[in-house]
Amino acid sequence: MLEVGSVAPAFSAPDQHGNAVSSDGLAGKWVALWWYPKASTPG
């Protein structure tokens, strides 16, 4: 669990077009991330 005000860990994830986005390329920018934990999973 991250603490409020802590630095986000390094990550890489696909964008809506399938292109890789990494935290390195977003350094110094405001970023909002959201995800659906049960998306694409059964149940």
PDB file of N, CA and C in Angstrom:
ATOM      1  N   MET A   1       0.838  -1.167   0.000  1.00  0.00           N
ATOM      2  CA  MET A   1       0.000   0.000   0.000  1.00  0.00           C
ATOM      3  C   MET A   1       0.891   1.241   0.000  1.00  0.00           C
ATOM      4  N   LEU A   2       0.583   2.181  -0.867  1.00  0.00           N
ATOM      5  CA  LEU A   2       1.333   3.439  -0.906  1.00  0.00           C
ATOM      6  C   LEU A   2       0.821   4.386   0.169  1.00  0.00           C
ATOM      7  N   GLU A   3       1.726   5.137   0.732  1.00  0.00           N
ATOM      8  CA  GLU A   3       1.374   6.167   1.698  1.00  0.00           C
ATOM      9  C   GLU A   3       1.130   7.470   0.948  1.00  0.00           C
ATOM     10  N   VAL A   4       0.228   8.298   1.462  1.00  0.00           N
ATOM     11  CA  VAL A   4      -0.041   9.598   0.857  1.00  0.00           C
ATOM     12  C   VAL A   4       1.256  10.399   0.781  1.00  0.00           C
ATOM     13  N   GLY A   5       1.530  10.963  -0.399  1.00  0.00           N
ATOM     14  CA  GLY A   5       2.718  11.775  -0.598  1.00  0.00           C
ATOM     15  C   GLY A   5       3.963  11.000  -0.990  1.00  0.00           C
ATOM     16  N   SER A   6       3.873   9.662  -1.043  1.00  0.00           N
ATOM     17  CA  SER A   6       5.048   8.873  -1.418  1.00  0.00           C
ATOM     18  C   SER A   6       5.224   8.878  -2.935  1.00  0.00           C
ATOM     19  N   VAL A   7       6.410   8.558  -3.353  1.00  0.00           N
ATOM     20  CA  VAL A   7       6.730   8.484  -4.781  1.00  0.00           C
ATOM     21  C   VAL A   7       6.153   7.174  -5.331  1.00  0.00           C
ATOM     22  N   ALA A   8       5.521   7.256  -6.480  1.00  0.00           N
ATOM     23  CA  ALA A   8       4.960   6.060  -7.108  1.00  0.00           C
ATOM     24  C   ALA A   8       6.077   5.128  -7.565  1.00  0.00           C
ATOM     25  N   PRO A   9       5.880   3.826  -7.449  1.00  0.00           N
ATOM     26  CA  PRO A   9       6.887   2.880  -7.938  1.00  0.00           C
ATOM     27  C   PRO A   9       6.940   2.894  -9.468  1.00  0.00           C
ATOM     28  N   ALA A  10       8.054   2.471 -10.014  1.00  0.00           N
ATOM     29  CA  ALA A  10       8.193   2.391 -11.472  1.00  0.00           C
ATOM     30  C   ALA A  10       7.165   1.409 -12.023  1.00  0.00           C
ATOM     31  N   PHE A  11       6.592   1.733 -13.184  1.00  0.00           N
ATOM     32  CA  PHE A  11       5.612   0.843 -13.795  1.00  0.00           C
ATOM     33  C   PHE A  11       5.633   0.987 -15.308  1.00  0.00           C
ATOM     34  N   SER A  12       5.036   0.027 -15.959  1.00  0.00           N
ATOM     35  CA  SER A  12       4.813   0.050 -17.399  1.00  0.00           C
ATOM     36  C   SER A  12       3.458  -0.605 -17.628  1.00  0.00           C
ATOM     37  N   ALA A  13       2.632   0.011 -18.475  1.00  0.00           N
ATOM     38  CA  ALA A  13       1.294  -0.515 -18.743  1.00  0.00           C
ATOM     39  C   ALA A  13       0.878  -0.109 -20.148  1.00  0.00           C
ATOM     40  N   PRO A  14      -0.026  -0.869 -20.764  1.00  0.00           N
ATOM     41  CA  PRO A  14      -0.507  -0.495 -22.095  1.00  0.00           C
ATOM     42  C   PRO A  14      -1.535   0.635 -22.011  1.00  0.00           C
ATOM     43  N   ASP A  15      -1.516   1.528 -23.006  1.00  0.00           N
ATOM     44  CA  ASP A  15      -2.542   2.564 -23.082  1.00  0.00           C
ATOM     45  C   ASP A  15      -3.741   2.024 -23.861  1.00  0.00           C
ATOM     46  N   GLN A  16      -4.709   2.885 -24.147  1.00  0.00           N
ATOM     47  CA  GLN A  16      -5.928   2.444 -24.819  1.00  0.00           C
ATOM     48  C   GLN A  16      -5.696   1.933 -26.237  1.00  0.00           C
ATOM     49  N   HIS A  17      -4.512   2.194 -26.787  1.00  0.00           N
ATOM     50  CA  HIS A  17      -4.171   1.731 -28.131  1.00  0.00           C
ATOM     51  C   HIS A  17      -3.203   0.546 -28.109  1.00  0.00           C
ATOM     52  N   GLY A  18      -2.861   0.083 -26.910  1.00  0.00           N
ATOM     53  CA  GLY A  18      -1.947  -1.045 -26.783  1.00  0.00           C
ATOM     54  C   GLY A  18      -0.480  -0.658 -26.756  1.00  0.00           C
ATOM     55  N   ASN A  19      -0.188   0.645 -26.791  1.00  0.00           N
ATOM     56  CA  ASN A  19       1.202   1.116 -26.732  1.00  0.00           C
ATOM     57  C   ASN A  19       1.678   1.150 -25.288  1.00  0.00           C
ATOM     58  N   ALA A  20       2.921   0.768 -25.067  1.00  0.00           N
ATOM     59  CA  ALA A  20       3.476   0.759 -23.717  1.00  0.00           C
ATOM     60  C   ALA A  20       3.695   2.186 -23.214  1.00  0.00           C
ATOM     61  N   VAL A  21       3.281   2.436 -21.982  1.00  0.00           N
ATOM     62  CA  VAL A  21       3.502   3.705 -21.301  1.00  0.00           C
ATOM     63  C   VAL A  21       4.241   3.376 -20.017  1.00  0.00           C
ATOM     64  N   SER A  22       5.308   4.106 -19.724  1.00  0.00           N
ATOM     65  CA  SER A  22       6.062   3.818 -18.504  1.00  0.00           C
ATOM     66  C   SER A  22       6.160   5.068 -17.638  1.00  0.00           C
ATOM     67  N   SER A  23       6.426   4.859 -16.378  1.00  0.00           N
ATOM     68  CA  SER A  23       6.564   5.976 -15.452  1.00  0.00           C
ATOM     69  C   SER A  23       7.744   6.870 -15.845  1.00  0.00           C
ATOM     70  N   ASP A  24       8.754   6.306 -16.463  1.00  0.00           N
ATOM     71  CA  ASP A  24       9.900   7.119 -16.892  1.00  0.00           C
ATOM     72  C   ASP A  24       9.467   8.203 -17.880  1.00  0.00           C
ATOM     73  N   GLY A  25       8.581   7.866 -18.797  1.00  0.00           N
ATOM     74  CA  GLY A  25       8.116   8.818 -19.801  1.00  0.00           C
ATOM     75  C   GLY A  25       7.127   9.834 -19.262  1.00  0.00           C
ATOM     76  N   LEU A  26       6.629   9.610 -18.053  1.00  0.00           N
ATOM     77  CA  LEU A  26       5.649  10.519 -17.450  1.00  0.00           C
ATOM     78  C   LEU A  26       6.231  11.369 -16.331  1.00  0.00           C
ATOM     79  N   ALA A  27       7.517  11.234 -16.088  1.00  0.00           N
ATOM     80  CA  ALA A  27       8.162  11.960 -14.992  1.00  0.00           C
ATOM     81  C   ALA A  27       7.939  13.464 -15.130  1.00  0.00           C
ATOM     82  N   GLY A  28       7.540  14.093 -14.032  1.00  0.00           N
ATOM     83  CA  GLY A  28       7.336  15.536 -14.017  1.00  0.00           C
ATOM     84  C   GLY A  28       5.976  15.982 -14.507  1.00  0.00           C
ATOM     85  N   LYS A  29       5.098  15.039 -14.886  1.00  0.00           N
ATOM     86  CA  LYS A  29       3.767  15.365 -15.383  1.00  0.00           C
ATOM     87  C   LYS A  29       2.717  14.892 -14.385  1.00  0.00           C
ATOM     88  N   TRP A  30       1.562  15.554 -14.393  1.00  0.00           N
ATOM     89  CA  TRP A  30       0.434  15.091 -13.601  1.00  0.00           C
ATOM     90  C   TRP A  30      -0.179  13.905 -14.317  1.00  0.00           C
ATOM     91  N   VAL A  31      -0.465  12.856 -13.588  1.00  0.00           N
ATOM     92  CA  VAL A  31      -0.995  11.630 -14.177  1.00  0.00           C
ATOM     93  C   VAL A  31      -2.145  11.113 -13.323  1.00  0.00           C
ATOM     94  N   ALA A  32      -3.222  10.711 -13.972  1.00  0.00           N
ATOM     95  CA  ALA A  32      -4.336  10.057 -13.274  1.00  0.00           C
ATOM     96  C   ALA A  32      -4.472   8.649 -13.848  1.00  0.00           C
ATOM     97  N   LEU A  33      -4.430   7.665 -12.982  1.00  0.00           N
ATOM     98  CA  LEU A  33      -4.566   6.274 -13.400  1.00  0.00           C
ATOM     99  C   LEU A  33      -5.820   5.690 -12.787  1.00  0.00           C
ATOM    100  N   TRP A  34      -6.516   4.876 -13.536  1.00  0.00           N
ATOM    101  CA  TRP A  34      -7.615   4.115 -12.969  1.00  0.00           C
ATOM    102  C   TRP A  34      -7.701   2.793 -13.688  1.00  0.00           C
ATOM    103  N   TRP A  35      -8.267   1.840 -13.022  1.00  0.00           N
ATOM    104  CA  TRP A  35      -8.395   0.517 -13.608  1.00  0.00           C
ATOM    105  C   TRP A  35      -9.595  -0.167 -12.991  1.00  0.00           C
ATOM    106  N   TYR A  36     -10.018  -1.205 -13.624  1.00  0.00           N
ATOM    107  CA  TYR A  36     -11.134  -1.998 -13.159  1.00  0.00           C
ATOM    108  C   TYR A  36     -10.571  -3.356 -12.751  1.00  0.00           C
ATOM    109  N   PRO A  37     -10.431  -3.617 -11.456  1.00  0.00           N
ATOM    110  CA  PRO A  37      -9.785  -4.852 -10.986  1.00  0.00           C
ATOM    111  C   PRO A  37     -10.392  -6.131 -11.542  1.00  0.00           C
ATOM    112  N   LYS A  38     -11.680  -6.142 -11.817  1.00  0.00           N
ATOM    113  CA  LYS A  38     -12.308  -7.363 -12.298  1.00  0.00           C
ATOM    114  C   LYS A  38     -12.531  -7.358 -13.805  1.00  0.00           C
ATOM    115  N   ALA A  39     -12.044  -6.361 -14.508  1.00  0.00           N
ATOM    116  CA  ALA A  39     -12.204  -6.317 -15.949  1.00  0.00           C
ATOM    117  C   ALA A  39     -11.479  -7.498 -16.597  1.00  0.00           C
ATOM    118  N   SER A  40     -12.105  -8.086 -17.553  1.00  0.00           N
ATOM    119  CA  SER A  40     -11.531  -9.204 -18.311  1.00  0.00           C
ATOM    120  C   SER A  40     -11.250 -10.432 -17.445  1.00  0.00           C
ATOM    121  N   THR A  41     -11.967 -10.575 -16.340  1.00  0.00           N
ATOM    122  CA  THR A  41     -11.815 -11.768 -15.511  1.00  0.00           C
ATOM    123  C   THR A  41     -13.194 -12.408 -15.309  1.00  0.00           C
ATOM    124  N   PRO A  42     -13.243 -13.700 -15.158  1.00  0.00           N
ATOM    125  CA  PRO A  42     -14.537 -14.338 -14.930  1.00  0.00           C
ATOM    126  C   PRO A  42     -15.079 -13.991 -13.536  1.00  0.00           C
ATOM    127  N   GLY A  43     -16.368 -13.954 -13.410  1.00  0.00           N
ATOM    128  CA  GLY A  43     -16.988 -13.764 -12.109  1.00  0.00           C
ATOM    129  C   GLY A  43     -17.443 -12.398 -11.885  1.00  0.00           C
TER     130      GLY A  43
END
